[in-house]
């Protein structure tokens, strides 16, 4: 009897594994099909995207604001819709969009959504997607149904439906952002100018000569240091090989070169969103401002 019971349990366990495997296989098949659909949709829009944690992220306007992180409080505008034909807007906090989509305007609040990322109840796709965005940024995030409503029917949304959200992060508040801003506020920046991107810069040498643009190839040098003077990284162009500003790892470096005249030098204090950001690097902790010194020798002629 004991042996029979053991065999029965083994049988049940085996059958469970088969069904579990089938369920996983079905979900994987659905996800792959949805990804193809999403990528076809993005291609039809001529959008450029990045993909991270299952989220397709399309920047609609560039921003140098702080990146959203877990536990940050954000205020945002949003519009949620399907990408099929026809596209269906199923939710928004933007009144004009709600009227256009013929949504019930009496049950909605047309004000920025306040959410604490990781604590406010949101779809997993939204939680992941919002963390790819920055304060002041407009973006579109698209994700497969496994990060949305999965195999559930929700209102007009059918099972296994990928979702898209147009979002605008209008404000961000977080302890790490506040701490870094306090550090920067304590610095003596009286002889610096503030760039529209948020970095501070001063001319060490200004020849009033020509300056590069963000896609120029340049010859010169760049040194990045922590505020305590410790060198993080540096480079000097050599062997006739220019530095391509469009490929610059740090936004602050790219902007810094465009501020520098040929034969000149600029010093920058960069907040973390323009440098190593919320993740930091091997030598730079997250949310850390850095000092950058740039020397521009010449600009490569096309």
Protein backbone atom coordinates (compact mmCIF):
# COMPACT_ATOMS: atom_id res chain seq x y z
CA UNK A 1 0.00 0.00 0.00
CA UNK A 2 2.84 2.36 0.86
CA UNK A 3 4.54 1.55 -2.44
CA UNK A 4 1.32 2.20 -4.36
CA UNK A 5 0.90 5.53 -2.58
CA UNK A 6 4.48 6.50 -3.45
CA UNK A 7 3.90 5.60 -7.09
CA UNK A 8 0.67 7.61 -7.11
CA UNK A 9 2.43 10.70 -5.69
CA UNK A 10 5.22 10.31 -8.23
CA UNK A 11 2.58 10.09 -10.98
CA UNK A 12 0.81 13.24 -9.76
CA UNK A 13 4.14 15.09 -9.46
CA UNK A 14 5.13 14.04 -12.98
CA UNK A 15 1.79 15.14 -14.43
CA UNK A 16 2.10 18.47 -12.58
CA UNK A 17 5.54 19.01 -14.09
CA UNK A 18 4.18 18.30 -17.55
CA UNK A 19 1.35 20.82 -17.12
CA UNK A 20 3.72 23.35 -15.57
CA UNK A 21 6.12 22.87 -18.48
CA UNK A 22 3.25 23.29 -20.96
CA UNK A 23 2.08 26.46 -19.20
CA UNK A 24 5.60 27.89 -19.32
CA UNK A 25 5.98 26.90 -22.95
CA UNK A 26 2.66 28.58 -23.81
CA UNK A 27 3.65 31.77 -22.00
CA UNK A 28 7.05 31.79 -23.73
CA UNK A 29 5.40 31.28 -27.14
CA UNK A 30 2.98 34.12 -26.43
CA UNK A 31 5.80 36.39 -25.26
CA UNK A 32 7.94 35.73 -28.35
CA UNK A 33 4.95 36.44 -30.62
CA UNK A 34 4.16 39.62 -28.70
CA UNK A 35 7.76 40.80 -28.91
CA UNK A 36 7.65 40.43 -32.70
CA UNK A 37 4.42 42.42 -32.74
CA UNK A 38 5.93 45.14 -30.54
CA UNK A 39 9.08 45.41 -32.66
CA UNK A 40 7.00 45.60 -35.85
CA UNK A 41 4.93 48.40 -34.27
CA UNK A 42 8.04 50.32 -33.22
CA UNK A 43 9.53 49.93 -36.71
CA UNK A 44 6.34 51.32 -38.26
CA UNK A 45 6.79 54.42 -36.07
CA UNK A 46 10.49 54.80 -36.99
CA UNK A 47 11.32 54.91 -33.28
CA UNK A 48 14.65 54.10 -31.70
CA UNK A 49 14.36 51.95 -28.59
CA UNK A 50 16.31 50.26 -25.86
CA UNK A 51 15.16 47.06 -24.19
CA UNK A 52 15.72 46.37 -20.50
CA UNK A 53 13.99 43.96 -18.09
CA UNK A 54 11.45 43.12 -20.78
CA UNK A 55 10.57 46.78 -21.39
CA UNK A 56 10.84 48.55 -24.73
CA UNK A 57 11.75 52.15 -23.89
CA UNK A 58 11.40 54.91 -26.47
CA UNK A 59 12.57 58.40 -25.49
CA UNK A 60 10.28 61.01 -27.03
CA UNK A 61 12.15 64.01 -25.65
CA UNK A 62 15.64 64.06 -24.19
CA UNK A 63 16.03 64.93 -20.53
CA UNK A 64 19.02 65.34 -18.24
CA UNK A 65 16.91 64.88 -15.12
CA UNK A 66 17.40 62.31 -12.38
CA UNK A 67 16.68 58.70 -13.26
CA UNK A 68 13.73 57.15 -11.45
CA UNK A 69 14.73 54.58 -8.85
CA UNK A 70 12.97 52.22 -6.46
CA UNK A 71 11.31 54.06 -3.55
CA UNK A 72 11.38 57.39 -5.40
CA UNK A 73 8.13 59.35 -5.44
CA UNK A 74 7.14 60.48 -8.93
CA UNK A 75 4.33 62.55 -10.38
CA UNK A 76 3.41 61.66 -13.95
CA UNK A 77 0.98 62.03 -16.81
CA UNK A 78 0.13 58.81 -18.63
CA UNK A 79 -1.93 57.27 -21.39
CA UNK A 80 -2.31 53.49 -21.63
CA UNK A 81 -3.27 51.84 -24.90
CA UNK A 82 -3.00 48.69 -26.97
CA UNK A 83 -0.81 48.56 -30.07
CA UNK A 84 -3.06 46.38 -32.21
CA UNK A 85 -5.43 47.54 -34.93
CA UNK A 86 -7.43 49.37 -33.86
CA UNK A 87 -5.39 50.80 -30.99
CA UNK A 88 -7.55 51.14 -27.88
CA UNK A 89 -6.88 53.75 -25.19
CA UNK A 90 -8.00 52.07 -21.97
CA UNK A 91 -6.82 54.53 -19.32
CA UNK A 92 -5.37 58.03 -18.95
CA UNK A 93 -5.21 60.95 -16.52
CA UNK A 94 -5.09 63.47 -19.39
CA UNK A 95 -8.55 64.94 -19.96
CA UNK A 96 -8.17 65.66 -23.69
CA UNK A 97 -7.01 62.09 -24.29
CA UNK A 98 -9.89 60.67 -22.25
CA UNK A 99 -12.44 62.69 -24.22
CA UNK A 100 -10.83 61.67 -27.53
CA UNK A 101 -10.97 58.00 -26.49
CA UNK A 102 -14.57 58.39 -25.23
CA UNK A 103 -13.65 57.22 -21.74
CA UNK A 104 -15.85 57.98 -18.76
CA UNK A 105 -14.57 61.36 -17.53
CA UNK A 106 -16.73 61.28 -14.39
CA UNK A 107 -14.81 58.46 -12.71
CA UNK A 108 -11.30 59.74 -13.48
CA UNK A 109 -9.06 62.30 -11.81
CA UNK A 110 -7.32 64.50 -14.34
CA UNK A 111 -4.26 65.32 -12.30
CA UNK A 112 -0.72 63.90 -12.18
CA UNK A 113 -0.54 60.39 -10.77
CA UNK A 114 1.57 60.26 -7.62
CA UNK A 115 3.34 56.93 -7.16
CA UNK A 116 6.05 55.56 -4.90
CA UNK A 117 7.94 53.16 -7.14
CA UNK A 118 7.93 49.67 -5.67
CA UNK A 119 5.23 50.50 -3.12
CA UNK A 120 2.28 51.91 -5.07
CA UNK A 121 0.30 49.12 -6.72
CA UNK A 122 1.12 49.24 -10.44
CA UNK A 123 1.51 46.74 -13.26
CA UNK A 124 4.98 45.17 -13.17
CA UNK A 125 5.61 46.54 -16.66
CA UNK A 126 4.97 50.05 -15.39
CA UNK A 127 7.19 49.56 -12.36
CA UNK A 128 10.04 48.37 -14.57
CA UNK A 129 9.37 50.91 -17.31
CA UNK A 130 9.14 54.01 -15.15
CA UNK A 131 12.58 53.16 -13.73
CA UNK A 132 14.02 53.57 -17.24
CA UNK A 133 12.76 57.14 -17.38
CA UNK A 134 14.07 60.44 -16.10
CA UNK A 135 12.54 63.47 -14.46
CA UNK A 136 11.29 65.81 -17.18
CA UNK A 137 11.27 63.07 -19.80
CA UNK A 138 8.46 62.08 -22.13
CA UNK A 139 8.70 58.46 -23.16
CA UNK A 140 6.77 55.50 -24.49
CA UNK A 141 7.14 52.17 -22.73
CA UNK A 142 5.81 48.94 -24.22
CA UNK A 143 5.78 45.51 -22.63
CA UNK A 144 4.46 42.02 -23.18
CA UNK A 145 1.42 40.62 -21.41
CA UNK A 146 3.46 38.65 -18.86
CA UNK A 147 4.27 42.06 -17.33
CA UNK A 148 0.70 43.26 -17.80
CA UNK A 149 -2.62 41.49 -17.45
CA UNK A 150 -1.33 38.09 -18.66
CA UNK A 151 -4.18 35.76 -19.65
CA UNK A 152 -6.87 37.89 -18.02
CA UNK A 153 -9.58 39.90 -19.74
CA UNK A 154 -9.66 43.40 -18.23
CA UNK A 155 -12.30 45.73 -19.62
CA UNK A 156 -11.66 46.04 -23.36
CA UNK A 157 -8.23 44.37 -23.07
CA UNK A 158 -8.12 40.79 -24.32
CA UNK A 159 -5.87 38.12 -22.75
CA UNK A 160 -2.24 38.02 -23.90
CA UNK A 161 -2.24 41.67 -24.99
CA UNK A 162 0.98 43.76 -24.96
CA UNK A 163 0.46 47.23 -23.53
CA UNK A 164 1.91 50.65 -24.29
CA UNK A 165 2.07 53.71 -22.07
CA UNK A 166 2.98 57.26 -23.03
CA UNK A 167 4.29 58.82 -19.85
CA UNK A 168 5.79 62.12 -18.75
CA UNK A 169 7.66 62.28 -15.44
CA UNK A 170 6.94 65.83 -14.34
CA UNK A 171 8.58 65.63 -10.92
CA UNK A 172 10.71 63.21 -8.91
CA UNK A 173 11.53 63.21 -5.23
CA UNK A 174 13.90 60.77 -3.58
CA UNK A 175 16.32 60.70 -0.67
CA UNK A 176 19.38 60.07 -2.88
CA UNK A 177 18.52 62.98 -5.15
CA UNK A 178 18.06 65.28 -2.16
CA UNK A 179 21.37 64.16 -0.60
CA UNK A 180 23.30 64.81 -3.80
CA UNK A 181 21.71 68.21 -4.30
CA UNK A 182 22.79 69.15 -0.79
CA UNK A 183 26.37 68.17 -1.63
CA UNK A 184 26.34 70.31 -4.78
CA UNK A 185 24.69 73.25 -2.98
CA UNK A 186 27.54 73.23 -0.43
CA UNK A 187 30.16 73.68 -3.17
CA UNK A 188 31.57 77.08 -4.09
CA UNK A 189 30.27 77.52 -7.63
CA UNK A 190 30.38 81.32 -7.66
CA UNK A 191 32.84 81.42 -10.59
CA UNK A 192 30.95 78.77 -12.57
CA UNK A 193 28.09 79.21 -15.00
CA UNK A 194 25.11 76.87 -14.94
CA UNK A 195 24.31 75.07 -18.19
CA UNK A 196 20.71 74.35 -19.19
CA UNK A 197 21.46 70.64 -18.67
CA UNK A 198 22.17 71.25 -14.98
CA UNK A 199 25.98 71.02 -14.98
CA UNK A 200 28.26 73.85 -13.85
CA UNK A 201 31.18 74.99 -16.00
CA UNK A 202 33.92 77.58 -16.12
CA UNK A 203 36.49 78.42 -18.75
CA UNK A 204 40.09 77.74 -17.77
CA UNK A 205 41.14 78.96 -21.23
CA UNK A 206 38.75 80.40 -23.79
CA UNK A 207 40.24 81.25 -27.19
CA UNK A 208 36.86 82.24 -28.68
CA UNK A 209 37.74 79.89 -31.49
CA UNK A 210 35.33 77.44 -33.13
CA UNK A 211 33.57 74.89 -30.89
CA UNK A 212 32.47 71.36 -31.80
CA UNK A 213 28.92 70.07 -31.93
CA UNK A 214 27.62 66.89 -30.29
CA UNK A 215 28.46 64.71 -33.30
CA UNK A 216 31.95 66.12 -33.94
CA UNK A 217 35.14 64.07 -33.80
CA UNK A 218 37.73 65.87 -31.71
CA UNK A 219 41.33 65.71 -30.53
CA UNK A 220 42.13 66.55 -26.93
CA UNK A 221 41.97 65.17 -23.43
CA UNK A 222 39.51 64.63 -20.60
CA UNK A 223 39.98 63.81 -16.92
CA UNK A 224 37.18 62.83 -14.54
CA UNK A 225 37.72 63.14 -10.79
CA UNK A 226 35.70 62.73 -7.64
CA UNK A 227 35.21 65.93 -5.68
CA UNK A 228 37.98 64.81 -3.30
CA UNK A 229 40.46 64.92 -6.21
CA UNK A 230 40.70 61.17 -6.82
CA UNK A 231 40.99 60.40 -10.54
CA UNK A 232 38.24 58.16 -11.89
CA UNK A 233 39.31 57.99 -15.53
CA UNK A 234 41.13 60.02 -18.16
CA UNK A 235 42.07 59.87 -21.80
CA UNK A 236 44.13 61.71 -24.38
CA UNK A 237 43.58 61.16 -28.09
CA UNK A 238 46.62 59.56 -29.70
CA UNK A 239 47.95 58.25 -33.01
CA UNK A 240 45.68 60.50 -35.01
CA UNK A 241 42.54 58.76 -33.74
CA UNK A 242 39.87 61.31 -32.74
CA UNK A 243 37.28 61.02 -29.99
CA UNK A 244 33.73 60.70 -31.34
CA UNK A 245 31.48 62.90 -29.20
CA UNK A 246 28.36 61.03 -30.34
CA UNK A 247 29.81 57.93 -28.65
CA UNK A 248 30.72 59.64 -25.37
CA UNK A 249 29.83 57.51 -22.35
CA UNK A 250 29.03 60.52 -20.16
CA UNK A 251 26.63 63.23 -21.25
CA UNK A 252 28.72 65.70 -19.26
CA UNK A 253 31.78 64.88 -21.39
CA UNK A 254 29.89 65.39 -24.62
CA UNK A 255 28.39 68.69 -23.46
CA UNK A 256 31.72 69.79 -22.01
CA UNK A 257 33.52 69.44 -25.33
CA UNK A 258 30.81 71.46 -27.10
CA UNK A 259 31.43 74.28 -24.60
CA UNK A 260 35.18 74.27 -25.25
CA UNK A 261 36.84 76.36 -27.96
CA UNK A 262 39.71 74.94 -30.00
CA UNK A 263 42.87 75.53 -27.98
CA UNK A 264 40.79 76.05 -24.85
CA UNK A 265 40.00 74.23 -21.63
CA UNK A 266 36.88 73.89 -19.50
CA UNK A 267 36.25 72.61 -15.98
CA UNK A 268 32.90 71.09 -15.11
CA UNK A 269 31.03 70.03 -12.00
CA UNK A 270 28.53 67.44 -13.15
CA UNK A 271 25.56 66.09 -11.19
CA UNK A 272 25.19 62.31 -11.40
CA UNK A 273 22.39 62.26 -14.03
CA UNK A 274 24.94 63.58 -16.54
CA UNK A 275 27.72 61.33 -15.25
CA UNK A 276 27.50 57.87 -13.63
CA UNK A 277 23.87 58.10 -12.58
CA UNK A 278 21.89 56.07 -10.09
CA UNK A 279 24.05 52.96 -10.58
CA UNK A 280 27.49 54.55 -10.31
CA UNK A 281 30.55 52.62 -11.48
CA UNK A 282 33.38 50.58 -10.02
CA UNK A 283 35.05 53.76 -8.77
CA UNK A 284 32.07 56.08 -8.41
CA UNK A 285 29.25 55.49 -5.93
CA UNK A 286 25.66 56.02 -7.10
CA UNK A 287 24.36 59.61 -7.05
CA UNK A 288 27.85 61.12 -6.97
CA UNK A 289 28.76 64.43 -8.64
CA UNK A 290 32.13 64.56 -10.40
CA UNK A 291 34.61 67.15 -11.65
CA UNK A 292 35.65 66.99 -15.31
CA UNK A 293 38.48 68.88 -17.00
CA UNK A 294 38.48 69.05 -20.79
CA UNK A 295 41.16 70.30 -23.19
CA UNK A 296 40.28 70.66 -26.87
CA UNK A 297 43.20 70.67 -29.31
CA UNK A 298 41.33 70.51 -32.60
CA UNK A 299 38.26 69.28 -34.45
CA UNK A 300 38.54 66.71 -37.22
CA UNK A 301 37.43 67.99 -40.60
CA UNK A 302 34.88 65.79 -42.35
